[in-house]
Amino acid sequence: MEPTPASHPASYTVVLRPGLAEPGDSARRGVLRTALVEATGEFGASGYPRYAGEGVQADIDPRTRTVEAVTLDGAELPYGWVAQLADG
């Protein structure tokens, strides 16, 4: 694994949730899966640093803490699932 630039954190915890609520609906809550992902030293197709671990690969914008692209066990997320970073 190549070193990661200082501006990019070495790891994040990705939280997979059942999705966002539609306007007027109560918020969907719960966590379906979490994964500790570590910097790979590479950049994904999105142009953001790539992180991987525990079956999750994610391109993460370190400035906004947004998951820009993600796969779970080598496939796209199931319909309706969303990926976010854990607080902290």
PDB file of N, CA and C in Angstrom:
ATOM      1  N   MET A   1       0.851  -1.177   0.000  1.00  0.00           N
ATOM      2  CA  MET A   1       0.000   0.000   0.000  1.00  0.00           C
ATOM      3  C   MET A   1       0.892   1.234   0.000  1.00  0.00           C
ATOM      4  N   GLU A   2       0.627   2.147  -0.918  1.00  0.00           N
ATOM      5  CA  GLU A   2       1.396   3.375  -1.008  1.00  0.00           C
ATOM      6  C   GLU A   2       0.959   4.353   0.068  1.00  0.00           C
ATOM      7  N   PRO A   3       1.855   5.236   0.478  1.00  0.00           N
ATOM      8  CA  PRO A   3       1.448   6.229   1.475  1.00  0.00           C
ATOM      9  C   PRO A   3       0.374   7.150   0.921  1.00  0.00           C
ATOM     10  N   THR A   4      -0.463   7.616   1.789  1.00  0.00           N
ATOM     11  CA  THR A   4      -1.550   8.518   1.430  1.00  0.00           C
ATOM     12  C   THR A   4      -1.117   9.943   1.723  1.00  0.00           C
ATOM     13  N   PRO A   5      -1.428  10.911   0.845  1.00  0.00           N
ATOM     14  CA  PRO A   5      -1.091  12.296   1.157  1.00  0.00           C
ATOM     15  C   PRO A   5      -1.686  12.713   2.497  1.00  0.00           C
ATOM     16  N   ALA A   6      -1.002  13.607   3.181  1.00  0.00           N
ATOM     17  CA  ALA A   6      -1.425  14.030   4.519  1.00  0.00           C
ATOM     18  C   ALA A   6      -2.844  14.593   4.528  1.00  0.00           C
ATOM     19  N   SER A   7      -3.303  15.146   3.404  1.00  0.00           N
ATOM     20  CA  SER A   7      -4.647  15.735   3.361  1.00  0.00           C
ATOM     21  C   SER A   7      -5.747  14.684   3.288  1.00  0.00           C
ATOM     22  N   HIS A   8      -5.360  13.437   3.093  1.00  0.00           N
ATOM     23  CA  HIS A   8      -6.339  12.352   3.001  1.00  0.00           C
ATOM     24  C   HIS A   8      -6.216  11.471   4.239  1.00  0.00           C
ATOM     25  N   PRO A   9      -7.290  11.343   5.014  1.00  0.00           N
ATOM     26  CA  PRO A   9      -7.232  10.473   6.198  1.00  0.00           C
ATOM     27  C   PRO A   9      -6.853   9.040   5.821  1.00  0.00           C
ATOM     28  N   ALA A  10      -6.222   8.336   6.744  1.00  0.00           N
ATOM     29  CA  ALA A  10      -5.791   6.961   6.498  1.00  0.00           C
ATOM     30  C   ALA A  10      -6.953   5.987   6.464  1.00  0.00           C
ATOM     31  N   SER A  11      -8.054   6.311   7.177  1.00  0.00           N
ATOM     32  CA  SER A  11      -9.192   5.398   7.196  1.00  0.00           C
ATOM     33  C   SER A  11     -10.479   6.131   7.553  1.00  0.00           C
ATOM     34  N   TYR A  12     -11.578   5.483   7.226  1.00  0.00           N
ATOM     35  CA  TYR A  12     -12.924   5.959   7.562  1.00  0.00           C
ATOM     36  C   TYR A  12     -13.762   4.745   7.935  1.00  0.00           C
ATOM     37  N   THR A  13     -14.884   4.983   8.591  1.00  0.00           N
ATOM     38  CA  THR A  13     -15.888   3.944   8.766  1.00  0.00           C
ATOM     39  C   THR A  13     -17.060   4.295   7.865  1.00  0.00           C
ATOM     40  N   VAL A  14     -17.346   3.404   6.917  1.00  0.00           N
ATOM     41  CA  VAL A  14     -18.476   3.578   6.003  1.00  0.00           C
ATOM     42  C   VAL A  14     -19.691   2.908   6.636  1.00  0.00           C
ATOM     43  N   VAL A  15     -20.814   3.617   6.633  1.00  0.00           N
ATOM     44  CA  VAL A  15     -22.062   3.113   7.195  1.00  0.00           C
ATOM     45  C   VAL A  15     -23.052   2.934   6.047  1.00  0.00           C
ATOM     46  N   LEU A  16     -23.580   1.725   5.910  1.00  0.00           N
ATOM     47  CA  LEU A  16     -24.585   1.453   4.879  1.00  0.00           C
ATOM     48  C   LEU A  16     -25.948   1.458   5.547  1.00  0.00           C
ATOM     49  N   ARG A  17     -26.842   2.269   4.990  1.00  0.00           N
ATOM     50  CA  ARG A  17     -28.182   2.460   5.563  1.00  0.00           C
ATOM     51  C   ARG A  17     -29.244   2.076   4.533  1.00  0.00           C
ATOM     52  N   PRO A  18     -30.487   1.887   5.008  1.00  0.00           N
ATOM     53  CA  PRO A  18     -31.552   1.466   4.100  1.00  0.00           C
ATOM     54  C   PRO A  18     -32.037   2.538   3.143  1.00  0.00           C
ATOM     55  N   GLY A  19     -31.552   3.739   3.201  1.00  0.00           N
ATOM     56  CA  GLY A  19     -31.938   4.769   2.243  1.00  0.00           C
ATOM     57  C   GLY A  19     -32.430   6.014   2.925  1.00  0.00           C
ATOM     58  N   LEU A  20     -32.679   6.997   2.111  1.00  0.00           N
ATOM     59  CA  LEU A  20     -33.165   8.272   2.607  1.00  0.00           C
ATOM     60  C   LEU A  20     -34.684   8.294   2.524  1.00  0.00           C
ATOM     61  N   ALA A  21     -35.308   9.014   3.411  1.00  0.00           N
ATOM     62  CA  ALA A  21     -36.771   9.105   3.428  1.00  0.00           C
ATOM     63  C   ALA A  21     -37.257   9.996   2.296  1.00  0.00           C
ATOM     64  N   GLU A  22     -38.414   9.679   1.794  1.00  0.00           N
ATOM     65  CA  GLU A  22     -39.084  10.524   0.807  1.00  0.00           C
ATOM     66  C   GLU A  22     -39.705  11.708   1.543  1.00  0.00           C
ATOM     67  N   PRO A  23     -39.894  12.833   0.858  1.00  0.00           N
ATOM     68  CA  PRO A  23     -40.542  13.976   1.522  1.00  0.00           C
ATOM     69  C   PRO A  23     -41.886  13.556   2.119  1.00  0.00           C
ATOM     70  N   GLY A  24     -42.114  13.925   3.365  1.00  0.00           N
ATOM     71  CA  GLY A  24     -43.364  13.590   4.035  1.00  0.00           C
ATOM     72  C   GLY A  24     -43.339  12.269   4.784  1.00  0.00           C
ATOM     73  N   ASP A  25     -42.352  11.420   4.490  1.00  0.00           N
ATOM     74  CA  ASP A  25     -42.221  10.141   5.199  1.00  0.00           C
ATOM     75  C   ASP A  25     -41.365  10.327   6.440  1.00  0.00           C
ATOM     76  N   SER A  26     -41.556   9.450   7.401  1.00  0.00           N
ATOM     77  CA  SER A  26     -40.653   9.483   8.551  1.00  0.00           C
ATOM     78  C   SER A  26     -39.289   8.981   8.095  1.00  0.00           C
ATOM     79  N   ALA A  27     -38.250   9.458   8.739  1.00  0.00           N
ATOM     80  CA  ALA A  27     -36.886   9.094   8.345  1.00  0.00           C
ATOM     81  C   ALA A  27     -36.660   7.596   8.524  1.00  0.00           C
ATOM     82  N   ARG A  28     -35.990   7.000   7.559  1.00  0.00           N
ATOM     83  CA  ARG A  28     -35.603   5.598   7.686  1.00  0.00           C
ATOM     84  C   ARG A  28     -34.367   5.553   8.571  1.00  0.00           C
ATOM     85  N   ARG A  29     -34.405   4.700   9.548  1.00  0.00           N
ATOM     86  CA  ARG A  29     -33.294   4.615  10.479  1.00  0.00           C
ATOM     87  C   ARG A  29     -32.719   3.212  10.443  1.00  0.00           C
ATOM     88  N   GLY A  30     -31.574   3.108  11.018  1.00  0.00           N
ATOM     89  CA  GLY A  30     -30.959   1.801  11.128  1.00  0.00           C
ATOM     90  C   GLY A  30     -29.686   1.724  10.324  1.00  0.00           C
ATOM     91  N   VAL A  31     -28.891   0.763  10.678  1.00  0.00           N
ATOM     92  CA  VAL A  31     -27.631   0.511   9.996  1.00  0.00           C
ATOM     93  C   VAL A  31     -27.673  -0.923   9.502  1.00  0.00           C
ATOM     94  N   LEU A  32     -27.406  -1.108   8.220  1.00  0.00           N
ATOM     95  CA  LEU A  32     -27.413  -2.440   7.641  1.00  0.00           C
ATOM     96  C   LEU A  32     -26.043  -3.100   7.740  1.00  0.00           C
ATOM     97  N   ARG A  33     -25.004  -2.264   7.638  1.00  0.00           N
ATOM     98  CA  ARG A  33     -23.635  -2.791   7.690  1.00  0.00           C
ATOM     99  C   ARG A  33     -22.681  -1.629   7.875  1.00  0.00           C
ATOM    100  N   THR A  34     -21.567  -1.876   8.555  1.00  0.00           N
ATOM    101  CA  THR A  34     -20.486  -0.898   8.653  1.00  0.00           C
ATOM    102  C   THR A  34     -19.204  -1.574   8.192  1.00  0.00           C
ATOM    103  N   ALA A  35     -18.263  -0.767   7.746  1.00  0.00           N
ATOM    104  CA  ALA A  35     -16.972  -1.301   7.315  1.00  0.00           C
ATOM    105  C   ALA A  35     -15.889  -0.267   7.559  1.00  0.00           C
ATOM    106  N   LEU A  36     -14.790  -0.696   8.133  1.00  0.00           N
ATOM    107  CA  LEU A  36     -13.616   0.146   8.268  1.00  0.00           C
ATOM    108  C   LEU A  36     -12.844   0.038   6.962  1.00  0.00           C
ATOM    109  N   VAL A  37     -12.698   1.148   6.272  1.00  0.00           N
ATOM    110  CA  VAL A  37     -11.978   1.160   5.002  1.00  0.00           C
ATOM    111  C   VAL A  37     -10.701   1.978   5.169  1.00  0.00           C
ATOM    112  N   GLU A  38      -9.629   1.510   4.538  1.00  0.00           N
ATOM    113  CA  GLU A  38      -8.336   2.169   4.622  1.00  0.00           C
ATOM    114  C   GLU A  38      -7.902   2.645   3.250  1.00  0.00           C
ATOM    115  N   ALA A  39      -7.121   3.721   3.236  1.00  0.00           N
ATOM    116  CA  ALA A  39      -6.640   4.288   1.981  1.00  0.00           C
ATOM    117  C   ALA A  39      -5.814   3.266   1.213  1.00  0.00           C
ATOM    118  N   THR A  40      -6.056   3.199  -0.100  1.00  0.00           N
ATOM    119  CA  THR A  40      -5.302   2.278  -0.953  1.00  0.00           C
ATOM    120  C   THR A  40      -4.113   2.976  -1.612  1.00  0.00           C
ATOM    121  N   GLY A  41      -4.098   4.313  -1.582  1.00  0.00           N
ATOM    122  CA  GLY A  41      -3.058   5.053  -2.283  1.00  0.00           C
ATOM    123  C   GLY A  41      -3.413   5.314  -3.737  1.00  0.00           C
ATOM    124  N   GLU A  42      -4.573   4.832  -4.158  1.00  0.00           N
ATOM    125  CA  GLU A  42      -5.032   5.012  -5.537  1.00  0.00           C
ATOM    126  C   GLU A  42      -6.202   5.988  -5.565  1.00  0.00           C
ATOM    127  N   PHE A  43      -6.539   6.434  -6.762  1.00  0.00           N
ATOM    128  CA  PHE A  43      -7.710   7.281  -6.962  1.00  0.00           C
ATOM    129  C   PHE A  43      -8.695   6.496  -7.812  1.00  0.00           C
ATOM    130  N   GLY A  44      -9.985   6.598  -7.473  1.00  0.00           N
ATOM    131  CA  GLY A  44     -11.015   5.889  -8.211  1.00  0.00           C
ATOM    132  C   GLY A  44     -11.409   6.620  -9.480  1.00  0.00           C
ATOM    133  N   ALA A  45     -12.326   6.040 -10.235  1.00  0.00           N
ATOM    134  CA  ALA A  45     -12.829   6.642 -11.469  1.00  0.00           C
ATOM    135  C   ALA A  45     -13.470   7.997 -11.202  1.00  0.00           C
ATOM    136  N   SER A  46     -13.956   8.206  -9.982  1.00  0.00           N
ATOM    137  CA  SER A  46     -14.575   9.485  -9.614  1.00  0.00           C
ATOM    138  C   SER A  46     -13.544  10.591  -9.445  1.00  0.00           C
ATOM    139  N   GLY A  47     -12.264  10.212  -9.332  1.00  0.00           N
ATOM    140  CA  GLY A  47     -11.198  11.194  -9.119  1.00  0.00           C
ATOM    141  C   GLY A  47     -10.855  11.403  -7.654  1.00  0.00           C
ATOM    142  N   TYR A  48     -11.569  10.737  -6.773  1.00  0.00           N
ATOM    143  CA  TYR A  48     -11.334  10.871  -5.334  1.00  0.00           C
ATOM    144  C   TYR A  48     -10.515   9.690  -4.821  1.00  0.00           C
ATOM    145  N   PRO A  49      -9.863   9.862  -3.670  1.00  0.00           N
ATOM    146  CA  PRO A  49      -9.069   8.762  -3.113  1.00  0.00           C
ATOM    147  C   PRO A  49      -9.913   7.516  -2.880  1.00  0.00           C
ATOM    148  N   ARG A  50      -9.320   6.361  -3.157  1.00  0.00           N
ATOM    149  CA  ARG A  50     -10.007   5.086  -2.995  1.00  0.00           C
ATOM    150  C   ARG A  50      -9.640   4.478  -1.641  1.00  0.00           C
ATOM    151  N   TYR A  51     -10.655   3.940  -0.988  1.00  0.00           N
ATOM    152  CA  TYR A  51     -10.509   3.266   0.304  1.00  0.00           C
ATOM    153  C   TYR A  51     -11.120   1.881   0.165  1.00  0.00           C
ATOM    154  N   ALA A  52     -10.569   0.902   0.889  1.00  0.00           N
ATOM    155  CA  ALA A  52     -11.094  -0.458   0.790  1.00  0.00           C
ATOM    156  C   ALA A  52     -10.935  -1.190   2.114  1.00  0.00           C
ATOM    157  N   GLY A  53     -11.880  -2.085   2.381  1.00  0.00           N
ATOM    158  CA  GLY A  53     -11.802  -2.941   3.554  1.00  0.00           C
ATOM    159  C   GLY A  53     -13.138  -3.579   3.867  1.00  0.00           C
ATOM    160  N   GLU A  54     -13.096  -4.783   4.401  1.00  0.00           N
ATOM    161  CA  GLU A  54     -14.280  -5.499   4.856  1.00  0.00           C
ATOM    162  C   GLU A  54     -15.349  -5.640   3.766  1.00  0.00           C
ATOM    163  N   GLY A  55     -14.902  -5.851   2.515  1.00  0.00           N
ATOM    164  CA  GLY A  55     -15.834  -6.051   1.408  1.00  0.00           C
ATOM    165  C   GLY A  55     -16.351  -4.780   0.768  1.00  0.00           C
ATOM    166  N   VAL A  56     -15.904  -3.619   1.246  1.00  0.00           N
ATOM    167  CA  VAL A  56     -16.367  -2.338   0.712  1.00  0.00           C
ATOM    168  C   VAL A  56     -15.210  -1.626   0.025  1.00  0.00           C
ATOM    169  N   GLN A  57     -15.452  -1.108  -1.178  1.00  0.00           N
ATOM    170  CA  GLN A  57     -14.531  -0.202  -1.853  1.00  0.00           C
ATOM    171  C   GLN A  57     -15.272   1.102  -2.036  1.00  0.00           C
ATOM    172  N   ALA A  58     -14.635   2.208  -1.662  1.00  0.00           N
ATOM    173  CA  ALA A  58     -15.316   3.495  -1.743  1.00  0.00           C
ATOM    174  C   ALA A  58     -14.352   4.579  -2.187  1.00  0.00           C
ATOM    175  N   ASP A  59     -14.851   5.459  -3.059  1.00  0.00           N
ATOM    176  CA  ASP A  59     -14.145   6.688  -3.407  1.00  0.00           C
ATOM    177  C   ASP A  59     -14.739   7.766  -2.521  1.00  0.00           C
ATOM    178  N   ILE A  60     -13.884   8.421  -1.717  1.00  0.00           N
ATOM    179  CA  ILE A  60     -14.370   9.364  -0.712  1.00  0.00           C
ATOM    180  C   ILE A  60     -13.729  10.716  -0.915  1.00  0.00           C
ATOM    181  N   ASP A  61     -14.560  11.760  -0.934  1.00  0.00           N
ATOM    182  CA  ASP A  61     -14.084  13.144  -0.995  1.00  0.00           C
ATOM    183  C   ASP A  61     -13.698  13.549   0.428  1.00  0.00           C
ATOM    184  N   PRO A  62     -12.402  13.676   0.727  1.00  0.00           N
ATOM    185  CA  PRO A  62     -12.004  13.991   2.099  1.00  0.00           C
ATOM    186  C   PRO A  62     -12.410  15.395   2.545  1.00  0.00           C
ATOM    187  N   ARG A  63     -12.613  16.301   1.609  1.00  0.00           N
ATOM    188  CA  ARG A  63     -12.993  17.674   1.965  1.00  0.00           C
ATOM    189  C   ARG A  63     -14.434  17.737   2.467  1.00  0.00           C
ATOM    190  N   THR A  64     -15.342  17.061   1.768  1.00  0.00           N
ATOM    191  CA  THR A  64     -16.759  17.114   2.146  1.00  0.00           C
ATOM    192  C   THR A  64     -17.210  15.880   2.935  1.00  0.00           C
ATOM    193  N   ARG A  65     -16.336  14.882   3.046  1.00  0.00           N
ATOM    194  CA  ARG A  65     -16.664  13.616   3.725  1.00  0.00           C
ATOM    195  C   ARG A  65     -17.864  12.928   3.060  1.00  0.00           C
ATOM    196  N   THR A  66     -17.876  12.957   1.735  1.00  0.00           N
ATOM    197  CA  THR A  66     -18.948  12.348   0.957  1.00  0.00           C
ATOM    198  C   THR A  66     -18.443  11.086   0.268  1.00  0.00           C
ATOM    199  N   VAL A  67     -19.223  10.026   0.339  1.00  0.00           N
ATOM    200  CA  VAL A  67     -18.914   8.798  -0.406  1.00  0.00           C
ATOM    201  C   VAL A  67     -19.394   9.035  -1.830  1.00  0.00           C
ATOM    202  N   GLU A  68     -18.452   9.123  -2.764  1.00  0.00           N
ATOM    203  CA  GLU A  68     -18.785   9.459  -4.153  1.00  0.00           C
ATOM    204  C   GLU A  68     -19.077   8.229  -4.998  1.00  0.00           C
ATOM    205  N   ALA A  69     -18.488   7.103  -4.649  1.00  0.00           N
ATOM    206  CA  ALA A  69     -18.722   5.841  -5.365  1.00  0.00           C
ATOM    207  C   ALA A  69     -18.460   4.718  -4.379  1.00  0.00           C
ATOM    208  N   VAL A  70     -19.230   3.624  -4.505  1.00  0.00           N
ATOM    209  CA  VAL A  70     -19.063   2.523  -3.550  1.00  0.00           C
ATOM    210  C   VAL A  70     -19.504   1.207  -4.167  1.00  0.00           C
ATOM    211  N   THR A  71     -18.791   0.140  -3.823  1.00  0.00           N
ATOM    212  CA  THR A  71     -19.237  -1.209  -4.134  1.00  0.00           C
ATOM    213  C   THR A  71     -19.210  -2.030  -2.843  1.00  0.00           C
ATOM    214  N   LEU A  72     -20.052  -3.031  -2.789  1.00  0.00           N
ATOM    215  CA  LEU A  72     -20.166  -3.914  -1.633  1.00  0.00           C
ATOM    216  C   LEU A  72     -19.970  -5.342  -2.120  1.00  0.00           C
ATOM    217  N   ASP A  73     -18.957  -6.003  -1.616  1.00  0.00           N
ATOM    218  CA  ASP A  73     -18.640  -7.369  -2.041  1.00  0.00           C
ATOM    219  C   ASP A  73     -18.540  -7.468  -3.560  1.00  0.00           C
ATOM    220  N   GLY A  74     -17.949  -6.444  -4.185  1.00  0.00           N
ATOM    221  CA  GLY A  74     -17.705  -6.440  -5.629  1.00  0.00           C
ATOM    222  C   GLY A  74     -18.881  -6.044  -6.496  1.00  0.00           C
ATOM    223  N   ALA A  75     -19.987  -5.647  -5.903  1.00  0.00           N
ATOM    224  CA  ALA A  75     -21.182  -5.284  -6.680  1.00  0.00           C
ATOM    225  C   ALA A  75     -21.729  -3.938  -6.203  1.00  0.00           C
ATOM    226  N   GLU A  76     -22.620  -3.378  -7.014  1.00  0.00           N
ATOM    227  CA  GLU A  76     -23.294  -2.140  -6.612  1.00  0.00           C
ATOM    228  C   GLU A  76     -24.122  -2.394  -5.360  1.00  0.00           C
ATOM    229  N   LEU A  77     -24.413  -1.333  -4.624  1.00  0.00           N
ATOM    230  CA  LEU A  77     -25.267  -1.472  -3.447  1.00  0.00           C
ATOM    231  C   LEU A  77     -26.658  -1.932  -3.867  1.00  0.00           C
ATOM    232  N   PRO A  78     -27.318  -2.699  -3.031  1.00  0.00           N
ATOM    233  CA  PRO A  78     -28.711  -3.060  -3.325  1.00  0.00           C
ATOM    234  C   PRO A  78     -29.570  -1.796  -3.471  1.00  0.00           C
ATOM    235  N   TYR A  79     -30.618  -1.907  -4.261  1.00  0.00           N
ATOM    236  CA  TYR A  79     -31.502  -0.770  -4.503  1.00  0.00           C
ATOM    237  C   TYR A  79     -31.975  -0.152  -3.187  1.00  0.00           C
ATOM    238  N   GLY A  80     -31.843   1.163  -3.112  1.00  0.00           N
ATOM    239  CA  GLY A  80     -32.318   1.911  -1.945  1.00  0.00           C
ATOM    240  C   GLY A  80     -31.279   2.111  -0.859  1.00  0.00           C
ATOM    241  N   TRP A  81     -30.214   1.313  -0.843  1.00  0.00           N
ATOM    242  CA  TRP A  81     -29.187   1.496   0.179  1.00  0.00           C
ATOM    243  C   TRP A  81     -28.369   2.750  -0.122  1.00  0.00           C
ATOM    244  N   VAL A  82     -27.890   3.409   0.926  1.00  0.00           N
ATOM    245  CA  VAL A  82     -27.000   4.554   0.784  1.00  0.00           C
ATOM    246  C   VAL A  82     -25.765   4.339   1.651  1.00  0.00           C
ATOM    247  N   ALA A  83     -24.672   4.952   1.229  1.00  0.00           N
ATOM    248  CA  ALA A  83     -23.403   4.878   1.968  1.00  0.00           C
ATOM    249  C   ALA A  83     -23.077   6.266   2.505  1.00  0.00           C
ATOM    250  N   GLN A  84     -22.739   6.309   3.774  1.00  0.00           N
ATOM    251  CA  GLN A  84     -22.338   7.550   4.430  1.00  0.00           C
ATOM    252  C   GLN A  84     -21.137   7.247   5.307  1.00  0.00           C
ATOM    253  N   LEU A  85     -20.469   8.300   5.769  1.00  0.00           N
ATOM    254  CA  LEU A  85     -19.370   8.118   6.712  1.00  0.00           C
ATOM    255  C   LEU A  85     -19.895   8.269   8.132  1.00  0.00           C
ATOM    256  N   ALA A  86     -19.343   7.478   9.019  1.00  0.00           N
ATOM    257  CA  ALA A  86     -19.711   7.585  10.436  1.00  0.00           C
ATOM    258  C   ALA A  86     -19.240   8.941  10.963  1.00  0.00           C
ATOM    259  N   ASP A  87     -19.980   9.484  11.900  1.00  0.00           N
ATOM    260  CA  ASP A  87     -19.580  10.742  12.517  1.00  0.00           C
ATOM    261  C   ASP A  87     -18.286  10.532  13.286  1.00  0.00           C
ATOM    262  N   GLY A  88     -17.519  11.617  13.328  1.00  0.00           N
ATOM    263  CA  GLY A  88     -16.321  11.552  14.156  1.00  0.00           C
ATOM    264  C   GLY A  88     -15.087  11.542  13.440  1.00  0.00           C
TER     265      GLY A  88
END
